[in-house]
């Protein structure tokens, strides 16, 4: 589909923020072509673009004009994965609801109301030179390529996870089946430290995959669910570029900090050409 798309009608979702533990309500509304994705909080606009990232502490937070919204990555991933180019997202609260910890509930709601094709062509940019962001043993690279391919690897010093590697064709994957169901995860030994920092206050076994020393809290949805959730997050953070970028992406141990820095570097590269 080369034309831009929006939702046919608005959807509203209520739930709990995984970090704040507070109730929040989100309404995703159709938007005009060429307007992109933007959040409104208290009547103030926050464009879903990399320069509006204000924090990447365990989630991606956007902010502008004294307001902010936390944990935008799953919703942005769902919008990108289903091909929604234009939407207005009204947020009542501080955070996007975590729902079941994945992007699947969002995608299912989008498909329920359907997509509306618009007249304008989708903004799609062919990268002309490599772009990279690195930090220690982590890094993300993009090389010019006529399609959108992603190779990802993650590594955790844990017997159940270890090293996982996979590649995806971002234009051909069935996002709802292959990526959206992968849940946010955390290691049991991290939980106490997160709570002490005021994080994960809304987390529970219904909205996160907890990795114990010798077992998972619930059966895995995929053998490599940990990696696939990292891909889900990467797609959401990459949406902050504001356009589809044709490139071969290689993400080694990606994180929100790395992803959003990479999205910003891509935006700066595109704007400079």
C-alpha atoms as a PDB file:
ATOM      1  CA  UNK A   1       0.000   0.000   0.000  1.00  0.00           C
ATOM      2  CA  UNK A   2       1.676   3.205  -1.215  1.00  0.00           C
ATOM      3  CA  UNK A   3      -1.029   5.634  -0.142  1.00  0.00           C
ATOM      4  CA  UNK A   4      -1.190   7.108   3.354  1.00  0.00           C
ATOM      5  CA  UNK A   5      -3.731   5.654   5.771  1.00  0.00           C
ATOM      6  CA  UNK A   6      -5.591   6.648   8.891  1.00  0.00           C
ATOM      7  CA  UNK A   7      -8.228   4.908  11.017  1.00  0.00           C
ATOM      8  CA  UNK A   8     -11.817   4.809   9.768  1.00  0.00           C
ATOM      9  CA  UNK A   9     -13.035   5.861  13.200  1.00  0.00           C
ATOM     10  CA  UNK A  10     -11.723   6.612  16.672  1.00  0.00           C
ATOM     11  CA  UNK A  11     -10.972   3.977  19.289  1.00  0.00           C
ATOM     12  CA  UNK A  12     -10.674   4.498  23.053  1.00  0.00           C
ATOM     13  CA  UNK A  13      -8.768   2.347  25.511  1.00  0.00           C
ATOM     14  CA  UNK A  14      -8.507   2.533  29.298  1.00  0.00           C
ATOM     15  CA  UNK A  15      -5.970   0.769  31.441  1.00  0.00           C
ATOM     16  CA  UNK A  16      -3.059   1.054  33.830  1.00  0.00           C
ATOM     17  CA  UNK A  17       0.373   2.479  33.099  1.00  0.00           C
ATOM     18  CA  UNK A  18       3.041  -0.155  33.668  1.00  0.00           C
ATOM     19  CA  UNK A  19       5.409   2.328  35.337  1.00  0.00           C
ATOM     20  CA  UNK A  20       3.097   4.777  37.124  1.00  0.00           C
ATOM     21  CA  UNK A  21       0.503   2.202  38.142  1.00  0.00           C
ATOM     22  CA  UNK A  22      -2.139   4.865  37.469  1.00  0.00           C
ATOM     23  CA  UNK A  23      -5.307   4.611  35.395  1.00  0.00           C
ATOM     24  CA  UNK A  24      -5.118   6.288  32.001  1.00  0.00           C
ATOM     25  CA  UNK A  25      -7.318   6.651  28.951  1.00  0.00           C
ATOM     26  CA  UNK A  26      -6.226   6.989  25.341  1.00  0.00           C
ATOM     27  CA  UNK A  27      -8.322   7.870  22.300  1.00  0.00           C
ATOM     28  CA  UNK A  28      -6.754   7.329  18.879  1.00  0.00           C
ATOM     29  CA  UNK A  29      -8.539   9.423  16.253  1.00  0.00           C
ATOM     30  CA  UNK A  30      -8.345   9.648  12.457  1.00  0.00           C
ATOM     31  CA  UNK A  31      -6.248  12.523  11.113  1.00  0.00           C
ATOM     32  CA  UNK A  32      -5.803  14.324   7.809  1.00  0.00           C
ATOM     33  CA  UNK A  33      -3.177  13.186   5.334  1.00  0.00           C
ATOM     34  CA  UNK A  34       0.351  14.562   5.705  1.00  0.00           C
ATOM     35  CA  UNK A  35      -0.203  15.381   9.387  1.00  0.00           C
ATOM     36  CA  UNK A  36       1.581  12.347  10.846  1.00  0.00           C
ATOM     37  CA  UNK A  37       1.211  11.014  14.379  1.00  0.00           C
ATOM     38  CA  UNK A  38       0.849  13.361  17.341  1.00  0.00           C
ATOM     39  CA  UNK A  39      -0.209  13.120  20.972  1.00  0.00           C
ATOM     40  CA  UNK A  40      -2.281  15.664  22.857  1.00  0.00           C
ATOM     41  CA  UNK A  41      -2.018  15.915  26.630  1.00  0.00           C
ATOM     42  CA  UNK A  42      -4.076  18.552  28.399  1.00  0.00           C
ATOM     43  CA  UNK A  43      -4.729  20.201  25.056  1.00  0.00           C
ATOM     44  CA  UNK A  44      -1.017  20.520  24.248  1.00  0.00           C
ATOM     45  CA  UNK A  45       0.559  18.884  21.216  1.00  0.00           C
ATOM     46  CA  UNK A  46       3.487  16.481  21.236  1.00  0.00           C
ATOM     47  CA  UNK A  47       4.523  15.356  17.736  1.00  0.00           C
ATOM     48  CA  UNK A  48       5.693  11.743  17.570  1.00  0.00           C
ATOM     49  CA  UNK A  49       9.164  12.684  16.360  1.00  0.00           C
ATOM     50  CA  UNK A  50      12.600  11.859  17.729  1.00  0.00           C
ATOM     51  CA  UNK A  51      13.448  15.417  18.790  1.00  0.00           C
ATOM     52  CA  UNK A  52      10.583  15.298  21.305  1.00  0.00           C
ATOM     53  CA  UNK A  53      12.066  12.387  23.280  1.00  0.00           C
ATOM     54  CA  UNK A  54      12.663  13.545  26.856  1.00  0.00           C
ATOM     55  CA  UNK A  55      13.445  10.238  28.595  1.00  0.00           C
ATOM     56  CA  UNK A  56      14.346   6.649  27.737  1.00  0.00           C
ATOM     57  CA  UNK A  57      14.437   5.248  31.274  1.00  0.00           C
ATOM     58  CA  UNK A  58      12.834   1.799  30.763  1.00  0.00           C
ATOM     59  CA  UNK A  59      10.430   3.278  28.207  1.00  0.00           C
ATOM     60  CA  UNK A  60      10.213   6.023  25.601  1.00  0.00           C
ATOM     61  CA  UNK A  61       8.762   9.291  26.894  1.00  0.00           C
ATOM     62  CA  UNK A  62       7.841  12.231  24.673  1.00  0.00           C
ATOM     63  CA  UNK A  63       7.348  15.782  25.904  1.00  0.00           C
ATOM     64  CA  UNK A  64       6.721  19.373  24.809  1.00  0.00           C
ATOM     65  CA  UNK A  65       5.386  22.606  26.304  1.00  0.00           C
ATOM     66  CA  UNK A  66       5.631  21.320  29.862  1.00  0.00           C
ATOM     67  CA  UNK A  67       3.680  18.082  29.322  1.00  0.00           C
ATOM     68  CA  UNK A  68       4.850  14.558  28.647  1.00  0.00           C
ATOM     69  CA  UNK A  69       3.534  11.088  27.934  1.00  0.00           C
ATOM     70  CA  UNK A  70       5.326   7.896  28.931  1.00  0.00           C
ATOM     71  CA  UNK A  71       5.587   4.476  27.299  1.00  0.00           C
ATOM     72  CA  UNK A  72       4.579   5.438  23.779  1.00  0.00           C
ATOM     73  CA  UNK A  73       6.540   2.675  22.053  1.00  0.00           C
ATOM     74  CA  UNK A  74       3.935  -0.121  21.925  1.00  0.00           C
ATOM     75  CA  UNK A  75       1.221   2.137  20.524  1.00  0.00           C
ATOM     76  CA  UNK A  76       3.598   3.672  17.974  1.00  0.00           C
ATOM     77  CA  UNK A  77       4.750   0.193  16.987  1.00  0.00           C
ATOM     78  CA  UNK A  78       1.145  -0.917  16.476  1.00  0.00           C
ATOM     79  CA  UNK A  79       0.417   2.123  14.306  1.00  0.00           C
ATOM     80  CA  UNK A  80       3.548   1.572  12.215  1.00  0.00           C
ATOM     81  CA  UNK A  81       2.998  -2.172  12.005  1.00  0.00           C
ATOM     82  CA  UNK A  82      -0.532  -1.775  10.672  1.00  0.00           C
ATOM     83  CA  UNK A  83       0.346   1.031   8.268  1.00  0.00           C
ATOM     84  CA  UNK A  84      -1.331   3.983   9.992  1.00  0.00           C
ATOM     85  CA  UNK A  85       0.435   7.159   8.881  1.00  0.00           C
ATOM     86  CA  UNK A  86      -1.829   9.828  10.388  1.00  0.00           C
ATOM     87  CA  UNK A  87      -3.486   9.798  13.815  1.00  0.00           C
ATOM     88  CA  UNK A  88      -4.260  12.074  16.747  1.00  0.00           C
ATOM     89  CA  UNK A  89      -3.785  10.444  20.130  1.00  0.00           C
ATOM     90  CA  UNK A  90      -5.562  12.086  23.048  1.00  0.00           C
ATOM     91  CA  UNK A  91      -4.084  11.039  26.385  1.00  0.00           C
ATOM     92  CA  UNK A  92      -5.824  11.435  29.734  1.00  0.00           C
ATOM     93  CA  UNK A  93      -3.121  10.593  32.242  1.00  0.00           C
ATOM     94  CA  UNK A  94       0.645  10.322  32.313  1.00  0.00           C
ATOM     95  CA  UNK A  95       1.243   7.123  30.398  1.00  0.00           C
ATOM     96  CA  UNK A  96      -0.080   4.899  27.614  1.00  0.00           C
ATOM     97  CA  UNK A  97      -1.884   1.843  29.090  1.00  0.00           C
ATOM     98  CA  UNK A  98       0.244  -1.302  29.085  1.00  0.00           C
ATOM     99  CA  UNK A  99      -2.739  -3.610  28.376  1.00  0.00           C
ATOM    100  CA  UNK A 100      -1.279  -7.144  28.132  1.00  0.00           C
ATOM    101  CA  UNK A 101       2.289  -5.906  27.660  1.00  0.00           C
ATOM    102  CA  UNK A 102       2.246  -6.321  23.898  1.00  0.00           C
ATOM    103  CA  UNK A 103       0.978  -4.390  20.875  1.00  0.00           C
ATOM    104  CA  UNK A 104      -1.646  -6.982  19.923  1.00  0.00           C
ATOM    105  CA  UNK A 105      -4.610  -5.335  21.736  1.00  0.00           C
ATOM    106  CA  UNK A 106      -3.958  -2.109  19.817  1.00  0.00           C
ATOM    107  CA  UNK A 107      -3.663  -3.859  16.457  1.00  0.00           C
ATOM    108  CA  UNK A 108      -6.841  -5.851  17.037  1.00  0.00           C
ATOM    109  CA  UNK A 109      -8.748  -2.643  17.770  1.00  0.00           C
ATOM    110  CA  UNK A 110      -7.328  -0.928  14.681  1.00  0.00           C
ATOM    111  CA  UNK A 111      -8.383  -3.804  12.456  1.00  0.00           C
ATOM    112  CA  UNK A 112     -11.813  -3.859  14.082  1.00  0.00           C
ATOM    113  CA  UNK A 113     -12.581  -0.291  12.956  1.00  0.00           C
ATOM    114  CA  UNK A 114     -10.555  -0.613   9.756  1.00  0.00           C
ATOM    115  CA  UNK A 115      -8.133   1.631   7.902  1.00  0.00           C
ATOM    116  CA  UNK A 116      -9.033   4.479   5.563  1.00  0.00           C
ATOM    117  CA  UNK A 117      -6.807   4.959   2.534  1.00  0.00           C
ATOM    118  CA  UNK A 118      -6.025   8.614   1.823  1.00  0.00           C
ATOM    119  CA  UNK A 119      -5.062  10.446  -1.362  1.00  0.00           C
ATOM    120  CA  UNK A 120      -1.469  11.403  -0.580  1.00  0.00           C
ATOM    121  CA  UNK A 121       1.457   9.074  -1.195  1.00  0.00           C
ATOM    122  CA  UNK A 122       3.100   7.534   1.844  1.00  0.00           C
ATOM    123  CA  UNK A 123       6.344   9.260   2.771  1.00  0.00           C
ATOM    124  CA  UNK A 124       9.061   6.722   2.042  1.00  0.00           C
ATOM    125  CA  UNK A 125      12.733   7.643   1.912  1.00  0.00           C
ATOM    126  CA  UNK A 126      15.589   5.688   0.369  1.00  0.00           C
ATOM    127  CA  UNK A 127      18.722   6.004   2.467  1.00  0.00           C
ATOM    128  CA  UNK A 128      21.725   7.100   0.417  1.00  0.00           C
ATOM    129  CA  UNK A 129      24.520   6.599   2.943  1.00  0.00           C
ATOM    130  CA  UNK A 130      25.108   4.551   6.103  1.00  0.00           C
ATOM    131  CA  UNK A 131      23.902   5.827   9.469  1.00  0.00           C
ATOM    132  CA  UNK A 132      24.938   4.329  12.799  1.00  0.00           C
ATOM    133  CA  UNK A 133      24.752   4.856  16.535  1.00  0.00           C
ATOM    134  CA  UNK A 134      26.942   2.863  18.923  1.00  0.00           C
ATOM    135  CA  UNK A 135      27.403   2.605  22.672  1.00  0.00           C
ATOM    136  CA  UNK A 136      29.864   0.065  24.040  1.00  0.00           C
ATOM    137  CA  UNK A 137      28.912  -3.407  22.807  1.00  0.00           C
ATOM    138  CA  UNK A 138      25.578  -2.144  21.464  1.00  0.00           C
ATOM    139  CA  UNK A 139      24.851  -0.557  18.147  1.00  0.00           C
ATOM    140  CA  UNK A 140      22.355   0.107  15.375  1.00  0.00           C
ATOM    141  CA  UNK A 141      23.372   0.486  11.751  1.00  0.00           C
ATOM    142  CA  UNK A 142      21.403   1.341   8.614  1.00  0.00           C
ATOM    143  CA  UNK A 143      22.791   0.699   5.142  1.00  0.00           C
ATOM    144  CA  UNK A 144      21.193   1.739   1.843  1.00  0.00           C
ATOM    145  CA  UNK A 145      18.929  -1.020   0.523  1.00  0.00           C
ATOM    146  CA  UNK A 146      15.887  -1.033  -1.789  1.00  0.00           C
ATOM    147  CA  UNK A 147      13.741  -2.785   0.835  1.00  0.00           C
ATOM    148  CA  UNK A 148      13.262  -2.554   4.603  1.00  0.00           C
ATOM    149  CA  UNK A 149      15.098  -5.417   6.287  1.00  0.00           C
ATOM    150  CA  UNK A 150      15.956  -5.803   9.970  1.00  0.00           C
ATOM    151  CA  UNK A 151      18.532  -8.100  11.538  1.00  0.00           C
ATOM    152  CA  UNK A 152      18.399  -8.122  15.330  1.00  0.00           C
ATOM    153  CA  UNK A 153      20.389  -9.847  18.032  1.00  0.00           C
ATOM    154  CA  UNK A 154      19.985  -9.725  21.797  1.00  0.00           C
ATOM    155  CA  UNK A 155      22.070 -11.266  24.545  1.00  0.00           C
ATOM    156  CA  UNK A 156      21.318 -11.768  28.230  1.00  0.00           C
ATOM    157  CA  UNK A 157      23.506 -13.642  30.679  1.00  0.00           C
ATOM    158  CA  UNK A 158      20.624 -15.923  31.622  1.00  0.00           C
ATOM    159  CA  UNK A 159      20.268 -19.646  30.820  1.00  0.00           C
ATOM    160  CA  UNK A 160      16.715 -19.273  29.518  1.00  0.00           C
ATOM    161  CA  UNK A 161      17.480 -16.411  27.146  1.00  0.00           C
ATOM    162  CA  UNK A 162      21.144 -16.307  26.142  1.00  0.00           C
ATOM    163  CA  UNK A 163      21.758 -15.054  22.596  1.00  0.00           C
ATOM    164  CA  UNK A 164      18.900 -14.764  20.119  1.00  0.00           C
ATOM    165  CA  UNK A 165      19.197 -13.697  16.472  1.00  0.00           C
ATOM    166  CA  UNK A 166      16.531 -13.198  13.790  1.00  0.00           C
ATOM    167  CA  UNK A 167      15.818 -11.194  10.661  1.00  0.00           C
ATOM    168  CA  UNK A 168      12.568  -9.738   9.369  1.00  0.00           C
ATOM    169  CA  UNK A 169      11.373  -8.153   6.137  1.00  0.00           C
ATOM    170  CA  UNK A 170       9.522  -5.160   7.547  1.00  0.00           C
ATOM    171  CA  UNK A 171       7.330  -4.775   4.449  1.00  0.00           C
ATOM    172  CA  UNK A 172       6.300  -8.430   4.303  1.00  0.00           C
ATOM    173  CA  UNK A 173       5.948  -9.646   7.886  1.00  0.00           C
ATOM    174  CA  UNK A 174       2.498 -10.329   9.298  1.00  0.00           C
ATOM    175  CA  UNK A 175       2.912  -7.846  12.135  1.00  0.00           C
ATOM    176  CA  UNK A 176      -0.169  -9.033  14.056  1.00  0.00           C
ATOM    177  CA  UNK A 177       0.965 -12.655  14.002  1.00  0.00           C
ATOM    178  CA  UNK A 178       4.744 -12.352  14.170  1.00  0.00           C
ATOM    179  CA  UNK A 179       5.571  -9.270  16.254  1.00  0.00           C
ATOM    180  CA  UNK A 180       2.570  -7.677  17.992  1.00  0.00           C
ATOM    181  CA  UNK A 181       1.912 -10.494  20.537  1.00  0.00           C
ATOM    182  CA  UNK A 182       5.444 -10.364  22.012  1.00  0.00           C
ATOM    183  CA  UNK A 183       5.199  -9.062  25.577  1.00  0.00           C
ATOM    184  CA  UNK A 184       7.325  -6.686  27.561  1.00  0.00           C
ATOM    185  CA  UNK A 185       9.597  -8.640  29.862  1.00  0.00           C
ATOM    186  CA  UNK A 186      11.715  -8.276  32.942  1.00  0.00           C
ATOM    187  CA  UNK A 187      14.020 -10.364  35.074  1.00  0.00           C
ATOM    188  CA  UNK A 188      12.817 -11.248  38.549  1.00  0.00           C
ATOM    189  CA  UNK A 189      15.972  -9.918  40.187  1.00  0.00           C
ATOM    190  CA  UNK A 190      15.297  -6.484  38.648  1.00  0.00           C
ATOM    191  CA  UNK A 191      11.791  -6.087  40.047  1.00  0.00           C
ATOM    192  CA  UNK A 192      12.721  -4.865  43.522  1.00  0.00           C
ATOM    193  CA  UNK A 193      15.196  -2.325  42.145  1.00  0.00           C
ATOM    194  CA  UNK A 194      12.627  -1.030  39.654  1.00  0.00           C
ATOM    195  CA  UNK A 195       9.993  -0.587  42.340  1.00  0.00           C
ATOM    196  CA  UNK A 196      12.506   1.283  44.508  1.00  0.00           C
ATOM    197  CA  UNK A 197      13.041   3.694  41.601  1.00  0.00           C
ATOM    198  CA  UNK A 198       9.314   4.252  41.164  1.00  0.00           C
ATOM    199  CA  UNK A 199       9.176   2.092  38.033  1.00  0.00           C
ATOM    200  CA  UNK A 200       7.008  -0.915  37.136  1.00  0.00           C
ATOM    201  CA  UNK A 201       4.389   0.133  39.706  1.00  0.00           C
ATOM    202  CA  UNK A 202       1.656  -1.180  37.406  1.00  0.00           C
ATOM    203  CA  UNK A 203       3.472  -4.323  36.340  1.00  0.00           C
ATOM    204  CA  UNK A 204       2.050  -7.753  37.117  1.00  0.00           C
ATOM    205  CA  UNK A 205       1.988 -11.264  35.725  1.00  0.00           C
ATOM    206  CA  UNK A 206      -0.924 -10.334  33.441  1.00  0.00           C
ATOM    207  CA  UNK A 207       0.908  -7.559  31.590  1.00  0.00           C
ATOM    208  CA  UNK A 208       4.532  -8.663  31.555  1.00  0.00           C
ATOM    209  CA  UNK A 209       6.622 -11.748  30.985  1.00  0.00           C
ATOM    210  CA  UNK A 210       8.724 -12.258  34.106  1.00  0.00           C
ATOM    211  CA  UNK A 211      11.894 -14.293  33.723  1.00  0.00           C
ATOM    212  CA  UNK A 212      12.765 -16.220  36.883  1.00  0.00           C
ATOM    213  CA  UNK A 213      16.104 -18.039  37.373  1.00  0.00           C
ATOM    214  CA  UNK A 214      14.720 -21.322  36.033  1.00  0.00           C
ATOM    215  CA  UNK A 215      11.329 -20.604  34.454  1.00  0.00           C
ATOM    216  CA  UNK A 216       9.081 -18.027  32.820  1.00  0.00           C
ATOM    217  CA  UNK A 217       6.024 -16.622  34.582  1.00  0.00           C
ATOM    218  CA  UNK A 218       3.765 -17.857  31.758  1.00  0.00           C
ATOM    219  CA  UNK A 219       4.235 -19.975  28.635  1.00  0.00           C
ATOM    220  CA  UNK A 220       6.095 -18.176  25.867  1.00  0.00           C
ATOM    221  CA  UNK A 221       4.126 -16.915  22.879  1.00  0.00           C
ATOM    222  CA  UNK A 222       7.229 -17.463  20.714  1.00  0.00           C
ATOM    223  CA  UNK A 223      10.450 -19.370  21.444  1.00  0.00           C
ATOM    224  CA  UNK A 224      12.263 -16.053  20.899  1.00  0.00           C
ATOM    225  CA  UNK A 225       9.626 -13.802  22.475  1.00  0.00           C
ATOM    226  CA  UNK A 226      12.303 -11.707  24.184  1.00  0.00           C
ATOM    227  CA  UNK A 227      13.911 -10.842  20.851  1.00  0.00           C
ATOM    228  CA  UNK A 228      10.558 -10.240  19.167  1.00  0.00           C
ATOM    229  CA  UNK A 229       9.553  -7.763  21.847  1.00  0.00           C
ATOM    230  CA  UNK A 230      12.794  -5.926  21.214  1.00  0.00           C
ATOM    231  CA  UNK A 231      11.804  -5.810  17.536  1.00  0.00           C
ATOM    232  CA  UNK A 232       8.368  -4.492  18.555  1.00  0.00           C
ATOM    233  CA  UNK A 233      10.039  -1.721  20.551  1.00  0.00           C
ATOM    234  CA  UNK A 234      12.476  -0.967  17.727  1.00  0.00           C
ATOM    235  CA  UNK A 235       9.628  -0.547  15.231  1.00  0.00           C
ATOM    236  CA  UNK A 236       7.862   1.809  17.646  1.00  0.00           C
ATOM    237  CA  UNK A 237      10.942   3.904  18.300  1.00  0.00           C
ATOM    238  CA  UNK A 238      11.866   3.920  14.601  1.00  0.00           C
ATOM    239  CA  UNK A 239       8.446   5.448  13.889  1.00  0.00           C
ATOM    240  CA  UNK A 240       9.839   8.620  15.486  1.00  0.00           C
ATOM    241  CA  UNK A 241      11.677   9.220  12.204  1.00  0.00           C
ATOM    242  CA  UNK A 242       8.308  10.310  10.809  1.00  0.00           C
ATOM    243  CA  UNK A 243       8.688   8.369   7.553  1.00  0.00           C
ATOM    244  CA  UNK A 244       9.422   4.875   6.306  1.00  0.00           C
ATOM    245  CA  UNK A 245      13.111   4.470   5.517  1.00  0.00           C
ATOM    246  CA  UNK A 246      14.304   1.955   2.934  1.00  0.00           C
ATOM    247  CA  UNK A 247      17.422   0.394   4.429  1.00  0.00           C
ATOM    248  CA  UNK A 248      19.001  -2.709   5.854  1.00  0.00           C
ATOM    249  CA  UNK A 249      18.900  -2.218   9.620  1.00  0.00           C
ATOM    250  CA  UNK A 250      21.161  -4.145  11.985  1.00  0.00           C
ATOM    251  CA  UNK A 251      20.345  -3.792  15.683  1.00  0.00           C
ATOM    252  CA  UNK A 252      22.714  -5.356  18.213  1.00  0.00           C
ATOM    253  CA  UNK A 253      21.331  -5.343  21.768  1.00  0.00           C
ATOM    254  CA  UNK A 254      18.911  -2.480  21.024  1.00  0.00           C
ATOM    255  CA  UNK A 255      17.416  -0.340  23.790  1.00  0.00           C
ATOM    256  CA  UNK A 256      15.105   2.665  23.933  1.00  0.00           C
ATOM    257  CA  UNK A 257      18.105   4.941  24.447  1.00  0.00           C
ATOM    258  CA  UNK A 258      19.890   3.526  21.413  1.00  0.00           C
ATOM    259  CA  UNK A 259      16.741   3.285  19.281  1.00  0.00           C
ATOM    260  CA  UNK A 260      15.691   6.887  19.804  1.00  0.00           C
ATOM    261  CA  UNK A 261      19.219   8.224  19.301  1.00  0.00           C
ATOM    262  CA  UNK A 262      19.291   6.271  16.053  1.00  0.00           C
ATOM    263  CA  UNK A 263      15.895   7.647  14.992  1.00  0.00           C
ATOM    264  CA  UNK A 264      17.183  11.165  15.644  1.00  0.00           C
ATOM    265  CA  UNK A 265      20.351  10.475  13.645  1.00  0.00           C
ATOM    266  CA  UNK A 266      18.224   9.214  10.761  1.00  0.00           C
ATOM    267  CA  UNK A 267      16.038  12.332  10.866  1.00  0.00           C
ATOM    268  CA  UNK A 268      19.100  14.572  10.836  1.00  0.00           C
ATOM    269  CA  UNK A 269      20.587  12.632   7.923  1.00  0.00           C
ATOM    270  CA  UNK A 270      17.368  12.832   5.916  1.00  0.00           C
ATOM    271  CA  UNK A 271      16.917  16.542   6.621  1.00  0.00           C
ATOM    272  CA  UNK A 272      20.514  17.217   5.568  1.00  0.00           C
ATOM    273  CA  UNK A 273      20.123  15.612   2.152  1.00  0.00           C
END
